[in-house]
């Protein structure tokens, strides 16, 4: 990618890049901050150029293709039986898929809304 040949009108500082990076939970190096500041400034310059275009006679575009509805009709049809749907599951109990527990036991006594079951 080539660098812009015209001096940037919109100057983004490395401090602004750092602030944006913090909001995005990124940690760019100082070299990357300098590069990003230049790239962001260049993007803002392009936006300023686009603002100069006359667009009052241009109809807003919702999609690049003239699509109306690309979804199929929702028609009733034969579905899989429970046996067919469950034939390849690694572990099951009757018509249910058994999966490993991934949530730790919750200690209800540590919540303010805990109620006694006694």
N, C-alpha and C. Protein backbone atom coordinates (compact mmCIF):
# COMPACT_ATOMS: atom_id res chain seq x y z
N UNK A 1 0.84 -1.17 0.00
CA UNK A 1 0.00 0.00 0.00
C UNK A 1 0.89 1.23 0.00
N UNK A 2 0.62 2.13 -0.91
CA UNK A 2 1.46 3.32 -0.99
C UNK A 2 0.95 4.38 -0.04
N UNK A 3 1.87 5.22 0.41
CA UNK A 3 1.50 6.30 1.32
C UNK A 3 0.90 7.44 0.52
N UNK A 4 0.07 8.26 1.14
CA UNK A 4 -0.57 9.37 0.41
C UNK A 4 0.46 10.37 -0.06
N UNK A 5 0.25 10.88 -1.29
CA UNK A 5 1.19 11.83 -1.86
C UNK A 5 0.83 13.26 -1.48
N UNK A 6 -0.39 13.48 -1.02
CA UNK A 6 -0.83 14.82 -0.64
C UNK A 6 -0.78 14.91 0.89
N UNK A 7 -0.36 16.05 1.39
CA UNK A 7 -0.31 16.24 2.84
C UNK A 7 -1.72 16.15 3.41
N UNK A 8 -1.82 15.50 4.54
CA UNK A 8 -3.10 15.28 5.17
C UNK A 8 -3.66 16.58 5.75
N UNK A 9 -4.94 16.85 5.48
CA UNK A 9 -5.61 18.02 6.05
C UNK A 9 -6.13 17.71 7.45
N UNK A 10 -6.62 16.49 7.65
CA UNK A 10 -7.16 16.05 8.94
C UNK A 10 -6.05 15.32 9.67
N UNK A 11 -5.51 15.94 10.66
CA UNK A 11 -4.38 15.33 11.36
C UNK A 11 -4.86 14.62 12.62
N UNK A 12 -4.69 13.30 12.68
CA UNK A 12 -5.01 12.50 13.87
C UNK A 12 -3.70 12.35 14.65
N UNK A 13 -3.76 12.66 15.92
CA UNK A 13 -2.55 12.57 16.74
C UNK A 13 -2.37 11.14 17.26
N UNK A 14 -1.15 10.83 17.69
CA UNK A 14 -0.90 9.52 18.28
C UNK A 14 -1.64 9.39 19.60
N UNK A 15 -1.92 10.51 20.28
CA UNK A 15 -2.71 10.47 21.51
C UNK A 15 -4.13 10.01 21.21
N UNK A 16 -4.69 10.50 20.10
CA UNK A 16 -6.03 10.08 19.69
C UNK A 16 -6.04 8.61 19.30
N UNK A 17 -4.99 8.18 18.63
CA UNK A 17 -4.87 6.76 18.26
C UNK A 17 -4.81 5.92 19.53
N UNK A 18 -4.04 6.35 20.51
CA UNK A 18 -3.93 5.63 21.79
C UNK A 18 -5.28 5.53 22.48
N UNK A 19 -6.04 6.62 22.47
CA UNK A 19 -7.36 6.63 23.10
C UNK A 19 -8.30 5.66 22.39
N UNK A 20 -8.30 5.67 21.06
CA UNK A 20 -9.14 4.76 20.29
C UNK A 20 -8.69 3.32 20.53
N UNK A 21 -7.40 3.10 20.57
CA UNK A 21 -6.87 1.75 20.82
C UNK A 21 -7.29 1.25 22.19
N UNK A 22 -7.29 2.13 23.18
CA UNK A 22 -7.71 1.75 24.53
C UNK A 22 -9.19 1.36 24.53
N UNK A 23 -10.02 2.13 23.84
CA UNK A 23 -11.44 1.82 23.75
C UNK A 23 -11.67 0.48 23.06
N UNK A 24 -10.82 0.16 22.08
CA UNK A 24 -10.93 -1.10 21.34
C UNK A 24 -10.16 -2.22 22.01
N UNK A 25 -9.57 -1.91 23.17
CA UNK A 25 -8.78 -2.89 23.93
C UNK A 25 -7.62 -3.44 23.09
N UNK A 26 -6.95 -2.53 22.39
CA UNK A 26 -5.77 -2.86 21.60
C UNK A 26 -4.55 -2.23 22.25
N UNK A 27 -3.39 -2.77 21.94
CA UNK A 27 -2.16 -2.24 22.50
C UNK A 27 -1.11 -2.12 21.40
N UNK A 28 -1.28 -1.13 20.50
CA UNK A 28 -0.30 -1.00 19.41
C UNK A 28 1.03 -0.44 19.92
N UNK A 29 2.09 -0.79 19.22
CA UNK A 29 3.41 -0.25 19.55
C UNK A 29 3.45 1.21 19.10
N UNK A 30 4.48 1.94 19.50
CA UNK A 30 4.59 3.35 19.11
C UNK A 30 4.74 3.49 17.59
N UNK A 31 5.41 2.51 16.97
CA UNK A 31 5.54 2.53 15.50
C UNK A 31 4.17 2.35 14.85
N UNK A 32 3.39 1.41 15.40
CA UNK A 32 2.05 1.18 14.86
C UNK A 32 1.15 2.39 15.10
N UNK A 33 1.29 3.06 16.24
CA UNK A 33 0.50 4.26 16.51
C UNK A 33 0.78 5.34 15.47
N UNK A 34 2.05 5.53 15.13
CA UNK A 34 2.41 6.52 14.10
C UNK A 34 1.78 6.16 12.76
N UNK A 35 1.90 4.89 12.39
CA UNK A 35 1.34 4.42 11.10
C UNK A 35 -0.17 4.59 11.09
N UNK A 36 -0.83 4.19 12.19
CA UNK A 36 -2.28 4.29 12.26
C UNK A 36 -2.74 5.75 12.22
N UNK A 37 -2.01 6.63 12.87
CA UNK A 37 -2.36 8.05 12.84
C UNK A 37 -2.35 8.56 11.39
N UNK A 38 -1.34 8.18 10.64
CA UNK A 38 -1.27 8.60 9.23
C UNK A 38 -2.40 8.00 8.41
N UNK A 39 -2.67 6.70 8.62
CA UNK A 39 -3.73 6.03 7.86
C UNK A 39 -5.10 6.61 8.20
N UNK A 40 -5.36 6.86 9.49
CA UNK A 40 -6.64 7.44 9.89
C UNK A 40 -6.81 8.85 9.33
N UNK A 41 -5.75 9.62 9.35
CA UNK A 41 -5.79 10.97 8.77
C UNK A 41 -6.11 10.90 7.29
N UNK A 42 -5.50 9.95 6.60
CA UNK A 42 -5.73 9.77 5.16
C UNK A 42 -7.19 9.39 4.90
N UNK A 43 -7.76 8.53 5.73
CA UNK A 43 -9.17 8.13 5.59
C UNK A 43 -10.08 9.33 5.78
N UNK A 44 -9.79 10.15 6.80
CA UNK A 44 -10.61 11.34 7.02
C UNK A 44 -10.51 12.33 5.87
N UNK A 45 -9.33 12.41 5.24
CA UNK A 45 -9.18 13.27 4.06
C UNK A 45 -10.07 12.79 2.93
N UNK A 46 -10.17 11.48 2.74
CA UNK A 46 -11.05 10.93 1.70
C UNK A 46 -12.51 11.25 2.02
N UNK A 47 -12.89 11.18 3.27
CA UNK A 47 -14.26 11.50 3.66
C UNK A 47 -14.56 12.96 3.36
N UNK A 48 -13.60 13.84 3.63
CA UNK A 48 -13.78 15.26 3.33
C UNK A 48 -13.97 15.47 1.83
N UNK A 49 -13.23 14.72 1.01
CA UNK A 49 -13.39 14.82 -0.45
C UNK A 49 -14.79 14.36 -0.85
N UNK A 50 -15.28 13.29 -0.23
CA UNK A 50 -16.61 12.80 -0.56
C UNK A 50 -17.69 13.80 -0.17
N UNK A 51 -17.49 14.56 0.88
CA UNK A 51 -18.46 15.57 1.31
C UNK A 51 -18.63 16.66 0.27
N UNK A 52 -17.63 16.85 -0.59
CA UNK A 52 -17.69 17.89 -1.61
C UNK A 52 -18.54 17.48 -2.81
N UNK A 53 -18.88 16.21 -2.93
CA UNK A 53 -19.66 15.73 -4.06
C UNK A 53 -21.12 16.15 -3.94
N UNK A 54 -21.75 16.44 -5.08
CA UNK A 54 -23.16 16.78 -5.12
C UNK A 54 -23.95 15.47 -5.16
N UNK A 55 -24.70 15.18 -4.10
CA UNK A 55 -25.43 13.92 -4.02
C UNK A 55 -26.93 14.11 -3.82
N UNK A 56 -27.43 15.34 -3.96
CA UNK A 56 -28.85 15.59 -3.70
C UNK A 56 -29.76 14.86 -4.69
N UNK A 57 -29.30 14.59 -5.90
CA UNK A 57 -30.13 13.89 -6.90
C UNK A 57 -29.92 12.39 -6.89
N UNK A 58 -29.15 11.88 -5.96
CA UNK A 58 -28.86 10.45 -5.92
C UNK A 58 -29.76 9.79 -4.88
N UNK A 59 -30.48 8.75 -5.31
CA UNK A 59 -31.38 8.04 -4.41
C UNK A 59 -30.55 7.18 -3.44
N UNK A 60 -30.95 7.14 -2.18
CA UNK A 60 -30.22 6.32 -1.21
C UNK A 60 -30.22 4.85 -1.63
N UNK A 61 -29.11 4.19 -1.37
CA UNK A 61 -28.94 2.80 -1.77
C UNK A 61 -29.04 1.91 -0.53
N UNK A 62 -29.95 0.95 -0.57
CA UNK A 62 -30.11 0.04 0.55
C UNK A 62 -29.28 -1.21 0.38
N UNK A 63 -29.04 -1.61 -0.86
CA UNK A 63 -28.26 -2.81 -1.14
C UNK A 63 -27.68 -2.65 -2.53
N UNK A 64 -26.50 -3.20 -2.77
CA UNK A 64 -25.87 -3.05 -4.08
C UNK A 64 -26.59 -3.83 -5.17
N UNK A 65 -27.30 -4.88 -4.78
CA UNK A 65 -28.08 -5.66 -5.74
C UNK A 65 -29.56 -5.38 -5.53
N UNK A 66 -30.32 -5.46 -6.61
CA UNK A 66 -31.76 -5.20 -6.52
C UNK A 66 -32.47 -6.48 -6.08
N UNK A 67 -32.33 -6.80 -4.79
CA UNK A 67 -32.94 -8.00 -4.24
C UNK A 67 -34.21 -7.63 -3.49
N UNK A 68 -35.22 -8.47 -3.64
CA UNK A 68 -36.47 -8.21 -2.94
C UNK A 68 -36.56 -9.11 -1.72
N UNK A 69 -36.64 -10.42 -1.93
CA UNK A 69 -36.70 -11.36 -0.83
C UNK A 69 -35.99 -12.62 -1.28
N UNK A 70 -34.87 -12.91 -0.66
CA UNK A 70 -34.07 -14.05 -1.08
C UNK A 70 -34.34 -15.29 -0.24
N UNK A 71 -35.31 -15.20 0.68
CA UNK A 71 -35.62 -16.35 1.52
C UNK A 71 -36.65 -17.24 0.83
N UNK A 72 -36.54 -18.52 1.06
CA UNK A 72 -37.52 -19.43 0.49
C UNK A 72 -38.82 -19.33 1.27
N UNK A 73 -39.90 -19.78 0.67
CA UNK A 73 -41.17 -19.81 1.37
C UNK A 73 -41.08 -20.78 2.54
N UNK A 74 -41.70 -20.41 3.63
CA UNK A 74 -41.71 -21.27 4.81
C UNK A 74 -42.89 -22.21 4.70
N UNK A 75 -42.64 -23.35 4.11
CA UNK A 75 -43.70 -24.33 3.89
C UNK A 75 -43.51 -25.52 4.81
N UNK A 76 -44.61 -26.09 5.32
CA UNK A 76 -44.47 -27.28 6.15
C UNK A 76 -43.93 -28.44 5.32
N UNK A 77 -43.04 -29.21 5.91
CA UNK A 77 -42.49 -30.38 5.22
C UNK A 77 -42.05 -31.41 6.25
N UNK A 78 -41.77 -32.58 5.79
CA UNK A 78 -41.37 -33.67 6.67
C UNK A 78 -40.03 -33.33 7.33
N UNK A 79 -39.97 -33.49 8.65
CA UNK A 79 -38.73 -33.22 9.37
C UNK A 79 -38.10 -34.53 9.80
N UNK A 80 -36.90 -34.43 10.36
CA UNK A 80 -36.21 -35.62 10.84
C UNK A 80 -36.93 -36.19 12.05
N UNK A 81 -36.92 -37.49 12.15
CA UNK A 81 -37.44 -38.12 13.37
C UNK A 81 -36.40 -37.91 14.47
N UNK A 82 -36.82 -38.05 15.72
CA UNK A 82 -35.88 -37.92 16.84
C UNK A 82 -34.75 -38.93 16.70
N UNK A 83 -35.08 -40.15 16.29
CA UNK A 83 -34.07 -41.19 16.15
C UNK A 83 -33.03 -40.81 15.07
N UNK A 84 -33.49 -40.29 13.94
CA UNK A 84 -32.57 -39.89 12.86
C UNK A 84 -31.70 -38.71 13.29
N UNK A 85 -32.30 -37.75 14.02
CA UNK A 85 -31.55 -36.57 14.45
C UNK A 85 -30.51 -36.93 15.50
N UNK A 86 -30.76 -37.95 16.30
CA UNK A 86 -29.88 -38.32 17.40
C UNK A 86 -28.95 -39.49 17.10
N UNK A 87 -28.98 -40.01 15.89
CA UNK A 87 -28.22 -41.23 15.61
C UNK A 87 -26.71 -41.06 15.71
N UNK A 88 -26.16 -39.86 15.53
CA UNK A 88 -24.71 -39.66 15.56
C UNK A 88 -24.21 -38.93 16.81
N UNK A 89 -25.09 -38.67 17.78
CA UNK A 89 -24.63 -37.96 18.98
C UNK A 89 -23.79 -38.90 19.83
N UNK A 90 -22.74 -38.39 20.47
CA UNK A 90 -21.85 -39.25 21.24
C UNK A 90 -22.52 -39.85 22.48
N UNK A 91 -23.40 -39.08 23.15
CA UNK A 91 -24.02 -39.60 24.35
C UNK A 91 -25.43 -39.03 24.46
N UNK A 92 -26.38 -39.90 24.77
CA UNK A 92 -27.76 -39.45 24.86
C UNK A 92 -28.51 -40.20 25.94
N UNK A 93 -29.61 -39.60 26.36
CA UNK A 93 -30.52 -40.24 27.31
C UNK A 93 -31.92 -40.05 26.74
N UNK A 94 -32.52 -41.14 26.33
CA UNK A 94 -33.82 -41.13 25.64
C UNK A 94 -33.71 -40.22 24.42
N UNK A 95 -34.53 -39.16 24.35
CA UNK A 95 -34.50 -38.26 23.18
C UNK A 95 -33.73 -36.98 23.47
N UNK A 96 -32.79 -37.02 24.41
CA UNK A 96 -32.01 -35.83 24.77
C UNK A 96 -30.52 -36.07 24.53
N UNK A 97 -29.81 -35.03 24.14
CA UNK A 97 -28.36 -35.09 23.96
C UNK A 97 -27.72 -34.76 25.30
N UNK A 98 -26.83 -35.62 25.78
CA UNK A 98 -26.09 -35.36 27.01
C UNK A 98 -24.80 -34.64 26.65
N UNK A 99 -24.55 -33.53 27.34
CA UNK A 99 -23.35 -32.75 27.09
C UNK A 99 -22.60 -32.57 28.39
N UNK A 100 -21.28 -32.35 28.34
CA UNK A 100 -20.52 -32.14 29.57
C UNK A 100 -20.94 -30.85 30.26
N UNK A 101 -20.89 -30.86 31.58
CA UNK A 101 -21.22 -29.67 32.36
C UNK A 101 -20.11 -28.63 32.17
N UNK A 102 -20.50 -27.40 31.85
CA UNK A 102 -19.51 -26.34 31.63
C UNK A 102 -19.67 -25.18 32.61
N UNK A 103 -20.73 -25.20 33.40
CA UNK A 103 -20.98 -24.13 34.36
C UNK A 103 -20.73 -24.67 35.76
N UNK A 104 -19.96 -23.93 36.55
CA UNK A 104 -19.69 -24.35 37.92
C UNK A 104 -20.97 -24.27 38.74
N UNK A 105 -20.99 -25.04 39.83
CA UNK A 105 -22.13 -24.99 40.73
C UNK A 105 -22.26 -23.58 41.29
N UNK A 106 -23.49 -23.10 41.37
CA UNK A 106 -23.74 -21.74 41.84
C UNK A 106 -24.09 -21.78 43.31
N UNK A 107 -23.47 -20.94 44.10
CA UNK A 107 -23.72 -20.86 45.53
C UNK A 107 -24.80 -19.80 45.76
N UNK A 108 -26.04 -20.24 45.94
CA UNK A 108 -27.17 -19.33 46.12
C UNK A 108 -27.09 -18.54 47.41
N UNK A 109 -26.35 -19.03 48.41
CA UNK A 109 -26.27 -18.33 49.69
C UNK A 109 -25.48 -17.04 49.58
N UNK A 110 -24.74 -16.86 48.50
CA UNK A 110 -23.91 -15.65 48.35
C UNK A 110 -24.64 -14.53 47.63
N UNK A 111 -25.89 -14.74 47.26
CA UNK A 111 -26.64 -13.69 46.57
C UNK A 111 -27.58 -13.01 47.55
N UNK A 112 -27.92 -11.76 47.29
CA UNK A 112 -28.79 -11.01 48.19
C UNK A 112 -30.23 -11.46 48.07
N UNK A 113 -30.58 -12.11 46.95
CA UNK A 113 -31.96 -12.56 46.74
C UNK A 113 -32.16 -14.01 47.16
N UNK A 114 -31.21 -14.58 47.88
CA UNK A 114 -31.32 -15.98 48.25
C UNK A 114 -32.49 -16.18 49.22
N UNK A 115 -33.22 -17.22 48.97
CA UNK A 115 -34.35 -17.55 49.86
C UNK A 115 -34.13 -18.91 50.45
N UNK A 116 -34.62 -19.09 51.63
CA UNK A 116 -34.46 -20.35 52.33
C UNK A 116 -35.44 -21.36 51.78
N UNK A 117 -35.00 -22.60 51.60
CA UNK A 117 -35.87 -23.66 51.10
C UNK A 117 -36.33 -24.54 52.24
N UNK A 118 -36.08 -24.13 53.48
CA UNK A 118 -36.47 -24.95 54.64
C UNK A 118 -37.82 -24.55 55.17
